C-alpha atoms as a PDB file:
ATOM      1  CA  MET A   1      42.882  60.434 114.465  1.00  0.00           C
ATOM      2  CA  ARG A   2      43.667  62.580 117.485  1.00  0.00           C
ATOM      3  CA  GLY A   3      45.053  66.107 116.757  1.00  0.00           C
ATOM      4  CA  PHE A   4      47.377  68.362 118.760  1.00  0.00           C
ATOM      5  CA  THR A   5      45.983  70.209 121.718  1.00  0.00           C
ATOM      6  CA  LEU A   6      46.459  73.937 122.167  1.00  0.00           C
ATOM      7  CA  VAL A   7      48.874  73.329 125.052  1.00  0.00           C
ATOM      8  CA  GLU A   8      50.979  71.004 122.893  1.00  0.00           C
ATOM      9  CA  LEU A   9      51.098  73.600 120.107  1.00  0.00           C
ATOM     10  CA  LEU A  10      52.125  76.323 122.557  1.00  0.00           C
ATOM     11  CA  VAL A  11      54.874  74.104 123.996  1.00  0.00           C
ATOM     12  CA  ALA A  12      56.145  73.256 120.493  1.00  0.00           C
ATOM     13  CA  ILE A  13      56.144  76.918 119.453  1.00  0.00           C
ATOM     14  CA  THR A  14      57.985  77.883 122.654  1.00  0.00           C
ATOM     15  CA  VAL A  15      60.647  75.204 122.139  1.00  0.00           C
ATOM     16  CA  LEU A  16      61.045  76.203 118.475  1.00  0.00           C
ATOM     17  CA  THR A  17      61.386  79.864 119.491  1.00  0.00           C
ATOM     18  CA  LEU A  18      64.080  79.024 122.034  1.00  0.00           C
ATOM     19  CA  ILE A  19      65.950  76.986 119.448  1.00  0.00           C
ATOM     20  CA  MET A  20      65.740  79.807 116.910  1.00  0.00           C
ATOM     21  CA  LEU A  21      66.970  82.321 119.498  1.00  0.00           C
ATOM     22  CA  GLY A  22      69.921  80.073 120.312  1.00  0.00           C
ATOM     23  CA  VAL A  23      70.776  79.615 116.627  1.00  0.00           C
ATOM     24  CA  SER A  24      70.432  83.380 116.066  1.00  0.00           C
ATOM     25  CA  GLN A  25      72.804  84.162 118.935  1.00  0.00           C
ATOM     26  CA  MET A  26      75.296  81.627 117.623  1.00  0.00           C
ATOM     27  CA  MET A  27      75.075  83.185 114.155  1.00  0.00           C
ATOM     28  CA  ASN A  28      75.551  86.691 115.571  1.00  0.00           C
ATOM     29  CA  SER A  29      78.567  85.547 117.586  1.00  0.00           C
ATOM     30  CA  THR A  30      80.021  83.836 114.517  1.00  0.00           C
ATOM     31  CA  VAL A  31      79.518  86.934 112.372  1.00  0.00           C
ATOM     32  CA  THR A  32      81.086  89.167 115.060  1.00  0.00           C
ATOM     33  CA  ILE A  33      84.101  86.894 115.426  1.00  0.00           C
ATOM     34  CA  THR A  34      84.471  86.566 111.652  1.00  0.00           C
ATOM     35  CA  LEU A  35      84.211  90.308 111.043  1.00  0.00           C
ATOM     36  CA  GLY A  36      86.710  90.951 113.841  1.00  0.00           C
ATOM     37  CA  GLY A  37      89.076  88.445 112.247  1.00  0.00           C
ATOM     38  CA  PHE A  38      88.745  90.147 108.866  1.00  0.00           C
ATOM     39  CA  LYS A  39      89.437  93.541 110.460  1.00  0.00           C
ATOM     40  CA  HIS A  40      92.569  92.208 112.118  1.00  0.00           C
ATOM     41  CA  MET A  41      93.714  90.602 108.879  1.00  0.00           C
ATOM     42  CA  ASP A  42      93.136  93.895 107.064  1.00  0.00           C
ATOM     43  CA  ALA A  43      95.188  95.798 109.643  1.00  0.00           C
ATOM     44  CA  ASP A  44      97.920  93.130 109.627  1.00  0.00           C
ATOM     45  CA  THR A  45      98.170  93.217 105.836  1.00  0.00           C
ATOM     46  CA  GLN A  46      98.450  96.991 105.579  1.00  0.00           C
ATOM     47  CA  SER A  47     100.912  97.288 108.461  1.00  0.00           C
ATOM     48  CA  ARG A  48     103.155  94.647 106.915  1.00  0.00           C
ATOM     49  CA  LEU A  49     103.142  96.411 103.535  1.00  0.00           C
ATOM     50  CA  VAL A  50     103.823  99.817 105.131  1.00  0.00           C
ATOM     51  CA  LEU A  51     106.642  98.601 107.366  1.00  0.00           C
ATOM     52  CA  ASP A  52     108.204  96.591 104.516  1.00  0.00           C
ATOM     53  CA  ARG A  53     108.200  99.734 102.363  1.00  0.00           C
ATOM     54  CA  ILE A  54     109.772 101.848 105.113  1.00  0.00           C
ATOM     55  CA  ALA A  55     112.392  99.190 105.839  1.00  0.00           C
ATOM     56  CA  PHE A  56     113.295  98.992 102.150  1.00  0.00           C
ATOM     57  CA  ASP A  57     113.619 102.788 101.841  1.00  0.00           C
ATOM     58  CA  VAL A  58     115.811 102.942 104.950  1.00  0.00           C
ATOM     59  CA  SER A  59     117.966 100.062 103.700  1.00  0.00           C
ATOM     60  CA  LYS A  60     118.640 102.129 100.567  1.00  0.00           C
ATOM     61  CA  MET A  61     119.352 105.315 102.533  1.00  0.00           C
ATOM     62  CA  VAL A  62     122.321 107.379 101.364  1.00  0.00           C
ATOM     63  CA  LYS A  63     124.605 107.149 104.395  1.00  0.00           C
ATOM     64  CA  ARG A  64     126.927 110.146 104.214  1.00  0.00           C
ATOM     65  CA  THR A  65     127.870 112.760 106.763  1.00  0.00           C
ATOM     66  CA  ASP A  66     127.980 115.507 104.103  1.00  0.00           C
ATOM     67  CA  VAL A  67     124.262 115.318 103.211  1.00  0.00           C
ATOM     68  CA  ASP A  68     121.212 116.433 105.160  1.00  0.00           C
ATOM     69  CA  TYR A  69     118.598 114.309 106.947  1.00  0.00           C
ATOM     70  CA  TYR A  70     115.338 115.511 108.465  1.00  0.00           C
ATOM     71  CA  PHE A  71     113.886 113.583 111.403  1.00  0.00           C
ATOM     72  CA  ASN A  72     111.267 115.491 113.358  1.00  0.00           C
ATOM     73  CA  ASN A  73     109.282 114.271 116.350  1.00  0.00           C
ATOM     74  CA  SER A  74     105.705 115.271 117.044  1.00  0.00           C
ATOM     75  CA  THR A  75     106.647 117.662 119.841  1.00  0.00           C
ATOM     76  CA  SER A  76     109.265 119.621 117.850  1.00  0.00           C
ATOM     77  CA  ALA A  77     108.755 122.642 115.639  1.00  0.00           C
ATOM     78  CA  PRO A  78     108.179 122.789 112.797  1.00  0.00           C
ATOM     79  CA  ASN A  79     106.056 119.668 112.636  1.00  0.00           C
ATOM     80  CA  ASN A  80     102.941 118.556 110.805  1.00  0.00           C
ATOM     81  CA  GLY A  81     100.824 118.880 113.935  1.00  0.00           C
ATOM     82  CA  TYR A  82      99.046 115.517 113.705  1.00  0.00           C
ATOM     83  CA  GLY A  83     100.542 113.687 116.669  1.00  0.00           C
ATOM     84  CA  SER A  84     103.093 111.751 114.596  1.00  0.00           C
ATOM     85  CA  ASP A  85     106.771 111.946 113.758  1.00  0.00           C
ATOM     86  CA  MET A  86     108.071 112.490 110.231  1.00  0.00           C
ATOM     87  CA  MET A  87     111.281 111.808 108.328  1.00  0.00           C
ATOM     88  CA  LEU A  88     112.959 112.893 105.095  1.00  0.00           C
ATOM     89  CA  PHE A  89     116.172 111.442 103.677  1.00  0.00           C
ATOM     90  CA  PHE A  90     117.959 110.603 100.446  1.00  0.00           C
ATOM     91  CA  SER A  91     117.528 107.015  99.282  1.00  0.00           C
ATOM     92  CA  GLU A  92     118.388 104.882  96.283  1.00  0.00           C
ATOM     93  CA  ALA A  93     114.767 103.749  96.145  1.00  0.00           C
ATOM     94  CA  THR A  94     113.021 104.500  92.840  1.00  0.00           C
ATOM     95  CA  GLY A  95     111.511 107.997  92.755  1.00  0.00           C
ATOM     96  CA  TYR A  96     108.679 109.767  90.943  1.00  0.00           C
ATOM     97  CA  TYR A  97     109.473 112.213  88.139  1.00  0.00           C
ATOM     98  CA  PRO A  98     106.849 114.869  87.236  1.00  0.00           C
ATOM     99  CA  ASP A  99     108.464 114.976  83.788  1.00  0.00           C
ATOM    100  CA  PRO A 100     108.871 111.307  82.741  1.00  0.00           C
ATOM    101  CA  THR A 101     110.856 112.372  79.663  1.00  0.00           C
ATOM    102  CA  THR A 102     113.735 113.563  81.842  1.00  0.00           C
ATOM    103  CA  THR A 103     116.816 111.854  80.432  1.00  0.00           C
ATOM    104  CA  ASP A 104     119.078 112.635  83.388  1.00  0.00           C
ATOM    105  CA  GLN A 105     117.224 110.559  85.997  1.00  0.00           C
ATOM    106  CA  SER A 106     119.555 109.499  88.797  1.00  0.00           C
ATOM    107  CA  THR A 107     119.426 106.507  91.143  1.00  0.00           C
ATOM    108  CA  VAL A 108     118.765 108.815  94.118  1.00  0.00           C
ATOM    109  CA  SER A 109     115.390 110.027  95.389  1.00  0.00           C
ATOM    110  CA  LEU A 110     114.168 112.191  98.234  1.00  0.00           C
ATOM    111  CA  VAL A 111     112.017 109.882 100.369  1.00  0.00           C
ATOM    112  CA  GLY A 112     109.820 110.915 103.261  1.00  0.00           C
ATOM    113  CA  TYR A 113     106.968 109.827 105.523  1.00  0.00           C
ATOM    114  CA  ARG A 114     104.422 111.996 107.336  1.00  0.00           C
ATOM    115  CA  MET A 115     100.845 111.955 108.630  1.00  0.00           C
ATOM    116  CA  ASN A 116      98.296 114.048 106.738  1.00  0.00           C
ATOM    117  CA  SER A 117      95.309 115.993 108.084  1.00  0.00           C
ATOM    118  CA  SER A 118      93.011 112.990 107.559  1.00  0.00           C
ATOM    119  CA  TYR A 119      95.277 110.854 109.763  1.00  0.00           C
ATOM    120  CA  GLN A 120      96.608 108.726 106.942  1.00  0.00           C
ATOM    121  CA  LEU A 121     100.276 107.902 106.445  1.00  0.00           C
ATOM    122  CA  GLU A 122     101.801 109.480 103.345  1.00  0.00           C
ATOM    123  CA  ARG A 123     105.018 108.640 101.500  1.00  0.00           C
ATOM    124  CA  LEU A 124     107.118 111.066  99.462  1.00  0.00           C
ATOM    125  CA  SER A 125     109.269 109.763  96.603  1.00  0.00           C
ATOM    126  CA  LYS A 126     110.750 112.660  94.673  1.00  0.00           C
ATOM    127  CA  GLY A 127     113.007 111.564  91.806  1.00  0.00           C
ATOM    128  CA  LEU A 128     116.246 113.552  91.490  1.00  0.00           C
ATOM    129  CA  VAL A 129     118.552 114.219  88.556  1.00  0.00           C
ATOM    130  CA  TRP A 130     122.299 113.691  88.503  1.00  0.00           C
ATOM    131  CA  ASN A 131     124.437 116.287  90.236  1.00  0.00           C
ATOM    132  CA  GLY A 132     125.846 118.825  87.797  1.00  0.00           C
ATOM    133  CA  VAL A 133     122.733 118.710  85.614  1.00  0.00           C
ATOM    134  CA  ALA A 134     120.626 121.845  85.365  1.00  0.00           C
ATOM    135  CA  PRO A 135     117.280 121.358  87.193  1.00  0.00           C
ATOM    136  CA  VAL A 136     114.555 120.073  84.862  1.00  0.00           C
ATOM    137  CA  SER A 137     110.951 120.975  85.683  1.00  0.00           C
ATOM    138  CA  GLN A 138     110.512 120.141  89.410  1.00  0.00           C
ATOM    139  CA  ASN A 139     113.518 117.811  89.552  1.00  0.00           C
ATOM    140  CA  TYR A 140     116.666 118.741  91.482  1.00  0.00           C
ATOM    141  CA  PRO A 141     119.935 116.979  92.221  1.00  0.00           C
ATOM    142  CA  MET A 142     120.811 115.678  95.677  1.00  0.00           C
ATOM    143  CA  VAL A 143     122.056 118.567  97.802  1.00  0.00           C
ATOM    144  CA  PHE A 144     125.125 118.554 100.019  1.00  0.00           C
ATOM    145  CA  LEU A 145     125.575 120.428 103.268  1.00  0.00           C
ATOM    146  CA  PRO A 146     125.305 123.280 104.102  1.00  0.00           C
ATOM    147  CA  GLN A 147     122.306 123.073 101.760  1.00  0.00           C
ATOM    148  CA  THR A 148     119.438 121.331 103.550  1.00  0.00           C
ATOM    149  CA  ILE A 149     116.384 119.358 102.485  1.00  0.00           C
ATOM    150  CA  ILE A 150     113.944 121.843 104.008  1.00  0.00           C
ATOM    151  CA  GLY A 151     115.890 124.785 102.621  1.00  0.00           C
ATOM    152  CA  THR A 152     115.791 123.346  99.099  1.00  0.00           C
ATOM    153  CA  TRP A 153     112.325 121.777  98.873  1.00  0.00           C
ATOM    154  CA  GLY A 154     110.519 123.036 101.960  1.00  0.00           C
ATOM    155  CA  ALA A 155     109.514 126.564 100.970  1.00  0.00           C
ATOM    156  CA  ASN A 156     106.375 127.471 102.964  1.00  0.00           C
ATOM    157  CA  ASN A 157     106.744 124.118 104.748  1.00  0.00           C
ATOM    158  CA  ASN A 158     105.583 122.204 101.660  1.00  0.00           C
ATOM    159  CA  LEU A 159     107.407 119.110 102.846  1.00  0.00           C
ATOM    160  CA  THR A 160     106.059 119.214 106.377  1.00  0.00           C
ATOM    161  CA  LYS A 161     102.544 120.584 106.158  1.00  0.00           C
ATOM    162  CA  SER A 162      99.300 118.931 105.084  1.00  0.00           C
ATOM    163  CA  PRO A 163      96.999 119.805 103.389  1.00  0.00           C
ATOM    164  CA  GLY A 164      98.398 122.119 100.742  1.00  0.00           C
ATOM    165  CA  GLY A 165     101.858 120.579 100.866  1.00  0.00           C
ATOM    166  CA  ASP A 166     104.084 118.859  98.336  1.00  0.00           C
ATOM    167  CA  ALA A 167     102.075 117.134  95.595  1.00  0.00           C
ATOM    168  CA  ASP A 168     104.556 114.257  95.398  1.00  0.00           C
ATOM    169  CA  TYR A 169     103.215 112.809  98.664  1.00  0.00           C
ATOM    170  CA  GLN A 170     100.913 109.805  98.199  1.00  0.00           C
ATOM    171  CA  VAL A 171      98.834 107.934 100.800  1.00  0.00           C
ATOM    172  CA  ILE A 172     100.519 104.625 101.593  1.00  0.00           C
ATOM    173  CA  GLY A 173      98.566 103.680 104.731  1.00  0.00           C
ATOM    174  CA  ASP A 174      94.972 104.909 104.935  1.00  0.00           C
ATOM    175  CA  GLN A 175      94.464 102.928 108.155  1.00  0.00           C
ATOM    176  CA  VAL A 176      97.652 104.103 109.884  1.00  0.00           C
ATOM    177  CA  PHE A 177      96.740 107.024 112.156  1.00  0.00           C
ATOM    178  CA  CYS A 178      99.929 107.392 114.189  1.00  0.00           C
ATOM    179  CA  MET A 179     103.661 106.843 113.549  1.00  0.00           C
ATOM    180  CA  LYS A 180     106.460 107.363 116.061  1.00  0.00           C
ATOM    181  CA  LEU A 181     110.199 107.001 115.461  1.00  0.00           C
ATOM    182  CA  SER A 182     112.818 105.841 117.942  1.00  0.00           C
ATOM    183  CA  TYR A 183     116.546 105.546 117.413  1.00  0.00           C
ATOM    184  CA  LEU A 184     119.191 103.101 118.589  1.00  0.00           C
ATOM    185  CA  ILE A 185     122.398 105.136 118.834  1.00  0.00           C
ATOM    186  CA  GLN A 186     125.980 104.032 119.376  1.00  0.00           C
ATOM    187  CA  LYS A 187     126.738 106.288 122.336  1.00  0.00           C
ATOM    188  CA  ASP A 188     130.284 104.996 122.761  1.00  0.00           C
ATOM    189  CA  ALA A 189     132.343 101.934 121.869  1.00  0.00           C
ATOM    190  CA  SER A 190     130.362  99.632 124.164  1.00  0.00           C
ATOM    191  CA  THR A 191     127.013 101.346 124.790  1.00  0.00           C
ATOM    192  CA  LEU A 192     123.840 101.540 122.719  1.00  0.00           C
ATOM    193  CA  GLN A 193     121.308 104.192 123.724  1.00  0.00           C
ATOM    194  CA  LEU A 194     117.611 104.242 122.906  1.00  0.00           C
ATOM    195  CA  THR A 195     116.187 107.727 122.327  1.00  0.00           C
ATOM    196  CA  ASP A 196     113.253 109.484 120.657  1.00  0.00           C
ATOM    197  CA  THR A 197     115.488 111.909 118.758  1.00  0.00           C
ATOM    198  CA  PRO A 198     118.483 111.104 116.531  1.00  0.00           C
ATOM    199  CA  ASN A 199     120.552 113.948 117.931  1.00  0.00           C
ATOM    200  CA  THR A 200     121.736 113.523 121.503  1.00  0.00           C
ATOM    201  CA  THR A 201     124.300 115.613 123.339  1.00  0.00           C
ATOM    202  CA  SER A 202     126.943 112.988 122.624  1.00  0.00           C
ATOM    203  CA  ILE A 203     126.706 113.281 118.824  1.00  0.00           C
ATOM    204  CA  THR A 204     125.135 116.692 118.157  1.00  0.00           C
ATOM    205  CA  ALA A 205     127.187 118.774 115.722  1.00  0.00           C
ATOM    206  CA  GLY A 206     125.425 122.062 116.406  1.00  0.00           C
ATOM    207  CA  SER A 207     122.459 121.440 114.121  1.00  0.00           C
ATOM    208  CA  THR A 208     118.931 120.691 115.353  1.00  0.00           C
ATOM    209  CA  GLY A 209     118.369 118.134 112.621  1.00  0.00           C
ATOM    210  CA  TYR A 210     121.792 116.552 112.889  1.00  0.00           C
ATOM    211  CA  PHE A 211     121.738 112.869 111.958  1.00  0.00           C
ATOM    212  CA  ASP A 212     124.948 110.852 111.877  1.00  0.00           C
ATOM    213  CA  PRO A 213     124.400 107.571 109.978  1.00  0.00           C
ATOM    214  CA  THR A 214     127.648 106.213 111.402  1.00  0.00           C
ATOM    215  CA  ARG A 215     126.228 106.482 114.949  1.00  0.00           C
ATOM    216  CA  VAL A 216     122.531 105.745 114.417  1.00  0.00           C
ATOM    217  CA  GLN A 217     122.415 101.963 114.301  1.00  0.00           C
ATOM    218  CA  ALA A 218     118.696 101.508 113.731  1.00  0.00           C
ATOM    219  CA  ILE A 219     115.494 103.465 113.221  1.00  0.00           C
ATOM    220  CA  ILE A 220     112.596 101.868 115.109  1.00  0.00           C
ATOM    221  CA  VAL A 221     109.221 102.561 113.480  1.00  0.00           C
ATOM    222  CA  THR A 222     106.047 102.066 115.529  1.00  0.00           C
ATOM    223  CA  ILE A 223     102.603 102.537 113.981  1.00  0.00           C
ATOM    224  CA  ALA A 224      99.019 102.469 115.244  1.00  0.00           C
ATOM    225  CA  VAL A 225      96.432 101.033 112.850  1.00  0.00           C
ATOM    226  CA  LEU A 226      92.641 101.192 112.856  1.00  0.00           C
ATOM    227  CA  ASP A 227      90.788  99.412 110.057  1.00  0.00           C
ATOM    228  CA  SER A 228      88.564 101.400 107.697  1.00  0.00           C
ATOM    229  CA  ASN A 229      85.291  99.809 108.879  1.00  0.00           C
ATOM    230  CA  SER A 230      86.014 100.747 112.490  1.00  0.00           C
ATOM    231  CA  GLN A 231      86.939 104.306 111.478  1.00  0.00           C
ATOM    232  CA  LYS A 232      83.497 104.663 109.872  1.00  0.00           C
ATOM    233  CA  LEU A 233      81.947 104.181 113.314  1.00  0.00           C
ATOM    234  CA  LEU A 234      83.583 107.370 114.590  1.00  0.00           C
ATOM    235  CA  PRO A 235      81.199 110.366 114.481  1.00  0.00           C
ATOM    236  CA  ASN A 236      84.120 112.820 114.276  1.00  0.00           C
ATOM    237  CA  ALA A 237      87.000 110.738 112.922  1.00  0.00           C
ATOM    238  CA  SER A 238      89.675 113.444 112.540  1.00  0.00           C
ATOM    239  CA  THR A 239      89.189 114.873 116.032  1.00  0.00           C
ATOM    240  CA  GLN A 240      88.993 111.471 117.693  1.00  0.00           C
ATOM    241  CA  LEU A 241      92.003 110.031 115.851  1.00  0.00           C
ATOM    242  CA  GLN A 242      93.957 113.143 116.791  1.00  0.00           C
ATOM    243  CA  ALA A 243      93.046 112.619 120.441  1.00  0.00           C
ATOM    244  CA  ALA A 244      94.119 108.983 120.228  1.00  0.00           C
ATOM    245  CA  ALA A 245      97.402 109.827 118.477  1.00  0.00           C
ATOM    246  CA  THR A 246      98.381 112.420 121.073  1.00  0.00           C
ATOM    247  CA  LYS A 247      97.911 109.838 123.840  1.00  0.00           C
ATOM    248  CA  LEU A 248     100.435 107.473 122.267  1.00  0.00           C
ATOM    249  CA  ASP A 249     103.826 108.501 123.624  1.00  0.00           C
ATOM    250  CA  GLY A 250     107.195 108.112 121.999  1.00  0.00           C
ATOM    251  CA  VAL A 251     110.105 106.371 123.693  1.00  0.00           C
ATOM    252  CA  LEU A 252     110.934 107.761 127.126  1.00  0.00           C
ATOM    253  CA  PRO A 253     113.725 110.398 126.992  1.00  0.00           C
ATOM    254  CA  THR A 254     116.462 108.683 128.993  1.00  0.00           C
ATOM    255  CA  PRO A 255     115.719 104.971 129.440  1.00  0.00           C
ATOM    256  CA  PRO A 256     118.007 102.862 131.635  1.00  0.00           C
ATOM    257  CA  ALA A 257     120.724 101.290 129.504  1.00  0.00           C
ATOM    258  CA  THR A 258     119.951  97.882 131.020  1.00  0.00           C
ATOM    259  CA  THR A 259     116.252  97.841 130.056  1.00  0.00           C
ATOM    260  CA  PRO A 260     115.884  99.682 126.743  1.00  0.00           C
ATOM    261  CA  LEU A 261     113.276  97.376 125.247  1.00  0.00           C
ATOM    262  CA  ALA A 262     110.802  98.091 128.047  1.00  0.00           C
ATOM    263  CA  LYS A 263     110.760 101.725 126.970  1.00  0.00           C
ATOM    264  CA  LEU A 264     109.932 101.250 123.290  1.00  0.00           C
ATOM    265  CA  PRO A 265     106.678 102.812 122.022  1.00  0.00           C
ATOM    266  CA  LEU A 266     105.130  99.399 121.339  1.00  0.00           C
ATOM    267  CA  ASN A 267     105.358  98.470 125.024  1.00  0.00           C
ATOM    268  CA  LEU A 268     104.187 101.904 126.143  1.00  0.00           C
ATOM    269  CA  TRP A 269     101.253 101.894 123.716  1.00  0.00           C
ATOM    270  CA  GLN A 270     100.088  98.427 124.730  1.00  0.00           C
ATOM    271  CA  THR A 271     100.190  99.468 128.385  1.00  0.00           C
ATOM    272  CA  LYS A 272      98.378 102.710 127.570  1.00  0.00           C
ATOM    273  CA  LEU A 273      95.618 100.899 125.678  1.00  0.00           C
ATOM    274  CA  SER A 274      95.136  98.402 128.496  1.00  0.00           C
ATOM    275  CA  THR A 275      94.911 101.247 131.022  1.00  0.00           C
ATOM    276  CA  GLU A 276      92.455 103.180 128.842  1.00  0.00           C
ATOM    277  CA  MET A 277      90.261 100.110 128.337  1.00  0.00           C
ATOM    278  CA  GLY A 278      90.261  99.467 132.069  1.00  0.00           C
ATOM    279  CA  SER A 279      89.493 103.042 133.071  1.00  0.00           C
ATOM    280  CA  GLY A 280      86.871 103.739 130.412  1.00  0.00           C
ATOM    281  CA  GLY A 281      88.928 106.308 128.484  1.00  0.00           C
ATOM    282  CA  TYR A 282      89.220 104.150 125.343  1.00  0.00           C
ATOM    283  CA  LEU A 283      91.749 106.597 123.752  1.00  0.00           C
ATOM    284  CA  GLY A 284      88.791 108.877 122.991  1.00  0.00           C
ATOM    285  CA  LEU A 285      87.492 106.366 120.423  1.00  0.00           C
ATOM    286  CA  GLY A 286      84.829 104.510 122.363  1.00  0.00           C
ATOM    287  CA  LYS A 287      85.035 100.936 123.637  1.00  0.00           C
ATOM    288  CA  THR A 288      84.049  99.130 120.423  1.00  0.00           C
ATOM    289  CA  VAL A 289      86.439 101.054 118.185  1.00  0.00           C
ATOM    290  CA  ALA A 290      89.326 101.153 120.675  1.00  0.00           C
ATOM    291  CA  SER A 291      89.234  97.355 120.906  1.00  0.00           C
ATOM    292  CA  GLN A 292      90.097  97.208 117.193  1.00  0.00           C
ATOM    293  CA  VAL A 293      93.260  99.360 117.446  1.00  0.00           C
ATOM    294  CA  ARG A 294      96.438  97.427 116.595  1.00  0.00           C
ATOM    295  CA  PHE A 295     100.095  98.352 117.153  1.00  0.00           C
ATOM    296  CA  TYR A 296     103.077  97.238 115.074  1.00  0.00           C
ATOM    297  CA  GLN A 297     106.809  97.864 115.304  1.00  0.00           C
ATOM    298  CA  ARG A 298     109.815  97.300 113.026  1.00  0.00           C
ATOM    299  CA  TYR A 299     113.569  97.741 113.452  1.00  0.00           C
ATOM    300  CA  CYS A 300     115.069  99.299 110.321  1.00  0.00           C
ATOM    301  CA  TYR A 301     118.806  98.722 110.608  1.00  0.00           C
ATOM    302  CA  LEU A 302     121.400 101.054 109.157  1.00  0.00           C
ATOM    303  CA  ASN A 303     124.212  98.869 110.439  1.00  0.00           C
ATOM    304  CA  GLN A 304     124.100  95.439 108.811  1.00  0.00           C
ATOM    305  CA  VAL A 305     126.271  93.881 111.548  1.00  0.00           C
ATOM    306  CA  LEU A 306     123.475  94.262 114.107  1.00  0.00           C
ATOM    307  CA  GLN A 307     121.175  92.047 112.030  1.00  0.00           C
ATOM    308  CA  GLN A 308     123.430  88.990 112.340  1.00  0.00           C
END
């Protein structure tokens, strides 16, 4: 019986090698696509949970002109210094009580959102007692103007600074590295204005943090998300995420009334990312990591009529 020649064996080995290389490349491509899909699903899941939580807190906001609100953009002082906006307001969302035995727990909490020094989104939920009740432990009643949120709870900037700030903050989005707030304001009877600060010259009442819930129709929350696996690829995560966050602008100061949607952070961020990917800047994150950045946006309405 005739055996295989050396040439035939070499040809067979070569063909088998080519087949194995092709299968290996297909497997690598499949793994890459699958891992990318999982990363996107992870980012989608967290962003949905975060934005749902914010929308719920805002929907329960105490809307009164005789109480204080604190909305601070990343360029104002004081701010947390991590390229993101922050907000503090009274809400009927359930709060945390350091002393769970407190018998005078109210339905009102002090709720807030900020970015910490590790570029993770934190949520504050400070349970308050009923007005007229002596403060118990760390619990206080809701304050009315001229008393302010920062003046009551913000000694040494505890509510605005991280680390070393208020212990009632908890991480709610460990993949969210940037949050910007925009506001849809009823400028007059027939005009809605989009702005990056809740106090404009048309509604300012002499206070830097003035927020009129009867004029602010919606708070627009925009977040940038980078999955945990991609963050692990960054050699200096904090510095690089800070660089990326500072490149993501808020809404333009005075957008044309006829084209407000074109000026929202989501549109600006998507354009910025495309430009950075094309020019090789990659938001300071590198090409592979920057390609995994995802942006999400949610309208949180204060005026129920606008949702119909």
